[in-house]
């Protein structure tokens, strides 16, 4: 059994949010391997604020989101 088949067998029944994490990690590993990480920026963190306002994952009340994330790990 090759590695691709093994990986597929392990993850085929995972829910979409977990698969999204796996894809994110795989992209991180690919970028690390290809040395494509952007250089550290001097751009202030506040310039990134508001980037998730249209995200369906973060479209709820902040307290509800916090509880949901906390409950996911318990």
PDB file of N, CA and C in Angstrom:
ATOM      1  N   UNK A   1       0.855  -1.175   0.000  1.00  0.00           N
ATOM      2  CA  UNK A   1       0.000   0.000   0.000  1.00  0.00           C
ATOM      3  C   UNK A   1       0.903   1.241   0.000  1.00  0.00           C
ATOM      4  N   UNK A   2       0.672   2.141  -0.953  1.00  0.00           N
ATOM      5  CA  UNK A   2       1.516   3.331  -1.000  1.00  0.00           C
ATOM      6  C   UNK A   2       1.025   4.384  -0.004  1.00  0.00           C
ATOM      7  N   UNK A   3       1.818   5.393   0.190  1.00  0.00           N
ATOM      8  CA  UNK A   3       1.528   6.416   1.193  1.00  0.00           C
ATOM      9  C   UNK A   3       0.251   7.179   0.877  1.00  0.00           C
ATOM     10  N   UNK A   4       0.006   7.483  -0.375  1.00  0.00           N
ATOM     11  CA  UNK A   4      -1.205   8.211  -0.753  1.00  0.00           C
ATOM     12  C   UNK A   4      -2.445   7.411  -0.397  1.00  0.00           C
ATOM     13  N   UNK A   5      -2.428   6.132  -0.677  1.00  0.00           N
ATOM     14  CA  UNK A   5      -3.560   5.269  -0.348  1.00  0.00           C
ATOM     15  C   UNK A   5      -3.736   5.174   1.160  1.00  0.00           C
ATOM     16  N   UNK A   6      -2.640   5.043   1.888  1.00  0.00           N
ATOM     17  CA  UNK A   6      -2.721   4.998   3.353  1.00  0.00           C
ATOM     18  C   UNK A   6      -3.328   6.268   3.904  1.00  0.00           C
ATOM     19  N   UNK A   7      -2.879   7.410   3.393  1.00  0.00           N
ATOM     20  CA  UNK A   7      -3.408   8.691   3.855  1.00  0.00           C
ATOM     21  C   UNK A   7      -4.902   8.777   3.569  1.00  0.00           C
ATOM     22  N   UNK A   8      -5.301   8.403   2.371  1.00  0.00           N
ATOM     23  CA  UNK A   8      -6.721   8.429   2.021  1.00  0.00           C
ATOM     24  C   UNK A   8      -7.527   7.535   2.963  1.00  0.00           C
ATOM     25  N   UNK A   9      -7.039   6.338   3.239  1.00  0.00           N
ATOM     26  CA  UNK A   9      -7.756   5.421   4.125  1.00  0.00           C
ATOM     27  C   UNK A   9      -7.909   5.992   5.527  1.00  0.00           C
ATOM     28  N   UNK A  10      -6.913   6.723   5.982  1.00  0.00           N
ATOM     29  CA  UNK A  10      -6.974   7.299   7.328  1.00  0.00           C
ATOM     30  C   UNK A  10      -7.977   8.442   7.396  1.00  0.00           C
ATOM     31  N   UNK A  11      -8.033   9.296   6.378  1.00  0.00           N
ATOM     32  CA  UNK A  11      -8.818  10.529   6.475  1.00  0.00           C
ATOM     33  C   UNK A  11     -10.174  10.487   5.778  1.00  0.00           C
ATOM     34  N   UNK A  12     -10.501   9.432   5.073  1.00  0.00           N
ATOM     35  CA  UNK A  12     -11.697   9.437   4.221  1.00  0.00           C
ATOM     36  C   UNK A  12     -12.997   9.668   4.987  1.00  0.00           C
ATOM     37  N   UNK A  13     -13.062   9.322   6.257  1.00  0.00           N
ATOM     38  CA  UNK A  13     -14.299   9.495   7.027  1.00  0.00           C
ATOM     39  C   UNK A  13     -14.274  10.701   7.952  1.00  0.00           C
ATOM     40  N   UNK A  14     -13.228  11.516   7.867  1.00  0.00           N
ATOM     41  CA  UNK A  14     -13.155  12.697   8.719  1.00  0.00           C
ATOM     42  C   UNK A  14     -14.175  13.739   8.260  1.00  0.00           C
ATOM     43  N   UNK A  15     -14.707  14.540   9.193  1.00  0.00           N
ATOM     44  CA  UNK A  15     -15.623  15.622   8.808  1.00  0.00           C
ATOM     45  C   UNK A  15     -14.862  16.752   8.098  1.00  0.00           C
ATOM     46  N   UNK A  16     -15.590  17.561   7.345  1.00  0.00           N
ATOM     47  CA  UNK A  16     -14.974  18.630   6.554  1.00  0.00           C
ATOM     48  C   UNK A  16     -14.077  19.576   7.362  1.00  0.00           C
ATOM     49  N   UNK A  17     -14.477  20.000   8.571  1.00  0.00           N
ATOM     50  CA  UNK A  17     -13.580  20.900   9.303  1.00  0.00           C
ATOM     51  C   UNK A  17     -12.206  20.274   9.594  1.00  0.00           C
ATOM     52  N   UNK A  18     -12.181  18.986   9.877  1.00  0.00           N
ATOM     53  CA  UNK A  18     -10.907  18.306  10.131  1.00  0.00           C
ATOM     54  C   UNK A  18     -10.114  18.191   8.832  1.00  0.00           C
ATOM     55  N   UNK A  19     -10.799  17.892   7.740  1.00  0.00           N
ATOM     56  CA  UNK A  19     -10.121  17.817   6.440  1.00  0.00           C
ATOM     57  C   UNK A  19      -9.511  19.165   6.072  1.00  0.00           C
ATOM     58  N   UNK A  20     -10.222  20.245   6.402  1.00  0.00           N
ATOM     59  CA  UNK A  20      -9.691  21.584   6.118  1.00  0.00           C
ATOM     60  C   UNK A  20      -8.403  21.819   6.900  1.00  0.00           C
ATOM     61  N   UNK A  21      -8.342  21.343   8.134  1.00  0.00           N
ATOM     62  CA  UNK A  21      -7.116  21.466   8.927  1.00  0.00           C
ATOM     63  C   UNK A  21      -5.984  20.657   8.305  1.00  0.00           C
ATOM     64  N   UNK A  22      -6.318  19.475   7.829  1.00  0.00           N
ATOM     65  CA  UNK A  22      -5.303  18.621   7.212  1.00  0.00           C
ATOM     66  C   UNK A  22      -4.757  19.282   5.951  1.00  0.00           C
ATOM     67  N   UNK A  23      -5.638  19.846   5.133  1.00  0.00           N
ATOM     68  CA  UNK A  23      -5.207  20.538   3.914  1.00  0.00           C
ATOM     69  C   UNK A  23      -4.332  21.729   4.275  1.00  0.00           C
ATOM     70  N   UNK A  24      -4.738  22.480   5.300  1.00  0.00           N
ATOM     71  CA  UNK A  24      -3.956  23.633   5.729  1.00  0.00           C
ATOM     72  C   UNK A  24      -2.554  23.193   6.163  1.00  0.00           C
ATOM     73  N   UNK A  25      -2.490  22.115   6.925  1.00  0.00           N
ATOM     74  CA  UNK A  25      -1.199  21.614   7.379  1.00  0.00           C
ATOM     75  C   UNK A  25      -0.352  21.116   6.197  1.00  0.00           C
ATOM     76  N   UNK A  26      -0.992  20.427   5.262  1.00  0.00           N
ATOM     77  CA  UNK A  26      -0.265  19.932   4.090  1.00  0.00           C
ATOM     78  C   UNK A  26       0.290  21.103   3.270  1.00  0.00           C
ATOM     79  N   UNK A  27      -0.488  22.169   3.129  1.00  0.00           N
ATOM     80  CA  UNK A  27      -0.007  23.343   2.402  1.00  0.00           C
ATOM     81  C   UNK A  27       1.153  24.005   3.138  1.00  0.00           C
ATOM     82  N   UNK A  28       1.065  24.023   4.480  1.00  0.00           N
ATOM     83  CA  UNK A  28       2.168  24.547   5.279  1.00  0.00           C
ATOM     84  C   UNK A  28       3.435  23.739   5.037  1.00  0.00           C
ATOM     85  N   UNK A  29       3.304  22.410   5.059  1.00  0.00           N
ATOM     86  CA  UNK A  29       4.470  21.555   4.839  1.00  0.00           C
ATOM     87  C   UNK A  29       5.053  21.750   3.439  1.00  0.00           C
ATOM     88  N   UNK A  30       4.174  21.887   2.436  1.00  0.00           N
ATOM     89  CA  UNK A  30       4.660  22.106   1.076  1.00  0.00           C
ATOM     90  C   UNK A  30       5.416  23.429   0.981  1.00  0.00           C
ATOM     91  N   UNK A  31       4.835  24.486   1.577  1.00  0.00           N
ATOM     92  CA  UNK A  31       5.491  25.791   1.540  1.00  0.00           C
ATOM     93  C   UNK A  31       6.817  25.753   2.291  1.00  0.00           C
ATOM     94  N   UNK A  32       6.841  25.053   3.414  1.00  0.00           N
ATOM     95  CA  UNK A  32       8.080  24.925   4.183  1.00  0.00           C
ATOM     96  C   UNK A  32       9.136  24.189   3.364  1.00  0.00           C
ATOM     97  N   UNK A  33       8.694  23.135   2.701  1.00  0.00           N
ATOM     98  CA  UNK A  33       9.626  22.345   1.887  1.00  0.00           C
ATOM     99  C   UNK A  33      10.160  23.160   0.714  1.00  0.00           C
ATOM    100  N   UNK A  34       9.303  23.974   0.132  1.00  0.00           N
ATOM    101  CA  UNK A  34       9.709  24.792  -1.008  1.00  0.00           C
ATOM    102  C   UNK A  34      10.260  26.151  -0.584  1.00  0.00           C
ATOM    103  N   UNK A  35      10.293  26.358   0.735  1.00  0.00           N
ATOM    104  CA  UNK A  35      10.798  27.609   1.295  1.00  0.00           C
ATOM    105  C   UNK A  35      10.043  28.818   0.743  1.00  0.00           C
ATOM    106  N   UNK A  36       8.728  28.716   0.738  1.00  0.00           N
ATOM    107  CA  UNK A  36       7.901  29.789   0.191  1.00  0.00           C
ATOM    108  C   UNK A  36       7.264  30.666   1.260  1.00  0.00           C
ATOM    109  N   UNK A  37       7.647  30.468   2.508  1.00  0.00           N
ATOM    110  CA  UNK A  37       7.067  31.311   3.554  1.00  0.00           C
ATOM    111  C   UNK A  37       7.465  32.758   3.316  1.00  0.00           C
ATOM    112  N   UNK A  38       6.494  33.654   3.413  1.00  0.00           N
ATOM    113  CA  UNK A  38       6.840  35.065   3.230  1.00  0.00           C
ATOM    114  C   UNK A  38       7.730  35.550   4.380  1.00  0.00           C
ATOM    115  N   UNK A  39       8.521  36.528   4.076  1.00  0.00           N
ATOM    116  CA  UNK A  39       9.377  37.110   5.107  1.00  0.00           C
ATOM    117  C   UNK A  39       8.508  37.774   6.165  1.00  0.00           C
ATOM    118  N   UNK A  40       9.036  37.897   7.346  1.00  0.00           N
ATOM    119  CA  UNK A  40       8.318  38.561   8.426  1.00  0.00           C
ATOM    120  C   UNK A  40       8.064  39.997   8.003  1.00  0.00           C
ATOM    121  N   UNK A  41       6.835  40.419   8.221  1.00  0.00           N
ATOM    122  CA  UNK A  41       6.434  41.750   7.792  1.00  0.00           C
ATOM    123  C   UNK A  41       6.462  42.726   8.958  1.00  0.00           C
ATOM    124  N   UNK A  42       6.738  43.962   8.659  1.00  0.00           N
ATOM    125  CA  UNK A  42       6.663  45.016   9.667  1.00  0.00           C
ATOM    126  C   UNK A  42       5.273  45.643   9.690  1.00  0.00           C
ATOM    127  N   UNK A  43       4.376  45.091   8.877  1.00  0.00           N
ATOM    128  CA  UNK A  43       3.020  45.612   8.795  1.00  0.00           C
ATOM    129  C   UNK A  43       2.320  45.422  10.138  1.00  0.00           C
ATOM    130  N   UNK A  44       1.666  46.457  10.653  1.00  0.00           N
ATOM    131  CA  UNK A  44       0.978  46.327  11.937  1.00  0.00           C
ATOM    132  C   UNK A  44      -0.149  45.290  11.867  1.00  0.00           C
ATOM    133  N   UNK A  45      -0.317  44.561  12.943  1.00  0.00           N
ATOM    134  CA  UNK A  45      -1.347  43.527  13.011  1.00  0.00           C
ATOM    135  C   UNK A  45      -2.742  44.113  12.795  1.00  0.00           C
ATOM    136  N   UNK A  46      -2.957  45.337  13.190  1.00  0.00           N
ATOM    137  CA  UNK A  46      -4.275  45.956  13.046  1.00  0.00           C
ATOM    138  C   UNK A  46      -4.713  46.078  11.583  1.00  0.00           C
ATOM    139  N   UNK A  47      -3.789  46.030  10.650  1.00  0.00           N
ATOM    140  CA  UNK A  47      -4.182  46.110   9.239  1.00  0.00           C
ATOM    141  C   UNK A  47      -4.940  44.861   8.813  1.00  0.00           C
ATOM    142  N   UNK A  48      -4.825  43.780   9.600  1.00  0.00           N
ATOM    143  CA  UNK A  48      -5.533  42.544   9.296  1.00  0.00           C
ATOM    144  C   UNK A  48      -6.920  42.494   9.930  1.00  0.00           C
ATOM    145  N   UNK A  49      -7.244  43.446  10.779  1.00  0.00           N
ATOM    146  CA  UNK A  49      -8.526  43.406  11.474  1.00  0.00           C
ATOM    147  C   UNK A  49      -9.679  43.497  10.486  1.00  0.00           C
ATOM    148  N   UNK A  50     -10.747  42.797  10.792  1.00  0.00           N
ATOM    149  CA  UNK A  50     -11.929  42.806   9.944  1.00  0.00           C
ATOM    150  C   UNK A  50     -11.864  41.825   8.796  1.00  0.00           C
ATOM    151  N   UNK A  51     -10.842  41.017   8.735  1.00  0.00           N
ATOM    152  CA  UNK A  51     -10.689  40.095   7.623  1.00  0.00           C
ATOM    153  C   UNK A  51     -11.659  38.936   7.618  1.00  0.00           C
ATOM    154  N   UNK A  52     -12.351  38.710   8.726  1.00  0.00           N
ATOM    155  CA  UNK A  52     -13.259  37.566   8.809  1.00  0.00           C
ATOM    156  C   UNK A  52     -14.728  37.974   8.910  1.00  0.00           C
ATOM    157  N   UNK A  53     -15.032  39.236   8.710  1.00  0.00           N
ATOM    158  CA  UNK A  53     -16.418  39.665   8.908  1.00  0.00           C
ATOM    159  C   UNK A  53     -17.411  39.001   7.954  1.00  0.00           C
ATOM    160  N   UNK A  54     -16.965  38.518   6.823  1.00  0.00           N
ATOM    161  CA  UNK A  54     -17.868  37.859   5.877  1.00  0.00           C
ATOM    162  C   UNK A  54     -17.751  36.342   5.913  1.00  0.00           C
ATOM    163  N   UNK A  55     -16.991  35.838   6.870  1.00  0.00           N
ATOM    164  CA  UNK A  55     -16.805  34.397   6.995  1.00  0.00           C
ATOM    165  C   UNK A  55     -18.031  33.750   7.621  1.00  0.00           C
ATOM    166  N   UNK A  56     -18.539  32.675   6.985  1.00  0.00           N
ATOM    167  CA  UNK A  56     -19.697  31.988   7.548  1.00  0.00           C
ATOM    168  C   UNK A  56     -19.343  31.287   8.856  1.00  0.00           C
ATOM    169  N   UNK A  57     -18.067  30.959   9.052  1.00  0.00           N
ATOM    170  CA  UNK A  57     -17.645  30.305  10.285  1.00  0.00           C
ATOM    171  C   UNK A  57     -17.605  31.261  11.473  1.00  0.00           C
ATOM    172  N   UNK A  58     -17.487  32.545  11.225  1.00  0.00           N
ATOM    173  CA  UNK A  58     -17.373  33.527  12.294  1.00  0.00           C
ATOM    174  C   UNK A  58     -18.510  34.550  12.243  1.00  0.00           C
ATOM    175  N   UNK A  59     -19.661  34.141  11.700  1.00  0.00           N
ATOM    176  CA  UNK A  59     -20.766  35.077  11.517  1.00  0.00           C
ATOM    177  C   UNK A  59     -21.730  35.087  12.692  1.00  0.00           C
ATOM    178  N   UNK A  60     -21.379  34.476  13.794  1.00  0.00           N
ATOM    179  CA  UNK A  60     -22.263  34.397  14.943  1.00  0.00           C
ATOM    180  C   UNK A  60     -21.814  35.385  16.017  1.00  0.00           C
ATOM    181  N   UNK A  61     -22.554  35.437  17.093  1.00  0.00           N
ATOM    182  CA  UNK A  61     -22.200  36.256  18.237  1.00  0.00           C
ATOM    183  C   UNK A  61     -20.847  35.784  18.795  1.00  0.00           C
ATOM    184  N   UNK A  62     -19.957  36.700  19.154  1.00  0.00           N
ATOM    185  CA  UNK A  62     -18.636  36.303  19.641  1.00  0.00           C
ATOM    186  C   UNK A  62     -18.673  35.345  20.835  1.00  0.00           C
ATOM    187  N   UNK A  63     -19.623  35.533  21.736  1.00  0.00           N
ATOM    188  CA  UNK A  63     -19.710  34.638  22.897  1.00  0.00           C
ATOM    189  C   UNK A  63     -20.152  33.236  22.476  1.00  0.00           C
ATOM    190  N   UNK A  64     -21.030  33.154  21.496  1.00  0.00           N
ATOM    191  CA  UNK A  64     -21.463  31.852  20.988  1.00  0.00           C
ATOM    192  C   UNK A  64     -20.286  31.158  20.306  1.00  0.00           C
ATOM    193  N   UNK A  65     -19.517  31.906  19.519  1.00  0.00           N
ATOM    194  CA  UNK A  65     -18.339  31.346  18.859  1.00  0.00           C
ATOM    195  C   UNK A  65     -17.321  30.842  19.877  1.00  0.00           C
ATOM    196  N   UNK A  66     -17.111  31.639  20.922  1.00  0.00           N
ATOM    197  CA  UNK A  66     -16.160  31.234  21.955  1.00  0.00           C
ATOM    198  C   UNK A  66     -16.610  29.945  22.629  1.00  0.00           C
ATOM    199  N   UNK A  67     -17.882  29.856  22.959  1.00  0.00           N
ATOM    200  CA  UNK A  67     -18.404  28.647  23.595  1.00  0.00           C
ATOM    201  C   UNK A  67     -18.287  27.449  22.657  1.00  0.00           C
ATOM    202  N   UNK A  68     -18.579  27.648  21.387  1.00  0.00           N
ATOM    203  CA  UNK A  68     -18.492  26.564  20.412  1.00  0.00           C
ATOM    204  C   UNK A  68     -17.054  26.046  20.292  1.00  0.00           C
ATOM    205  N   UNK A  69     -16.104  26.971  20.227  1.00  0.00           N
ATOM    206  CA  UNK A  69     -14.712  26.552  20.120  1.00  0.00           C
ATOM    207  C   UNK A  69     -14.243  25.845  21.397  1.00  0.00           C
ATOM    208  N   UNK A  70     -14.669  26.364  22.539  1.00  0.00           N
ATOM    209  CA  UNK A  70     -14.285  25.734  23.803  1.00  0.00           C
ATOM    210  C   UNK A  70     -14.874  24.339  23.902  1.00  0.00           C
ATOM    211  N   UNK A  71     -16.162  24.204  23.540  1.00  0.00           N
ATOM    212  CA  UNK A  71     -16.834  22.904  23.630  1.00  0.00           C
ATOM    213  C   UNK A  71     -16.285  21.886  22.654  1.00  0.00           C
ATOM    214  N   UNK A  72     -15.690  22.359  21.571  1.00  0.00           N
ATOM    215  CA  UNK A  72     -15.118  21.445  20.582  1.00  0.00           C
ATOM    216  C   UNK A  72     -13.976  20.629  21.175  1.00  0.00           C
ATOM    217  N   UNK A  73     -13.311  21.185  22.176  1.00  0.00           N
ATOM    218  CA  UNK A  73     -12.144  20.515  22.760  1.00  0.00           C
ATOM    219  C   UNK A  73     -12.453  19.759  24.045  1.00  0.00           C
ATOM    220  N   UNK A  74     -13.717  19.769  24.462  1.00  0.00           N
ATOM    221  CA  UNK A  74     -14.052  19.053  25.700  1.00  0.00           C
ATOM    222  C   UNK A  74     -14.807  17.792  25.418  1.00  0.00           C
TER     223      UNK A  74
END
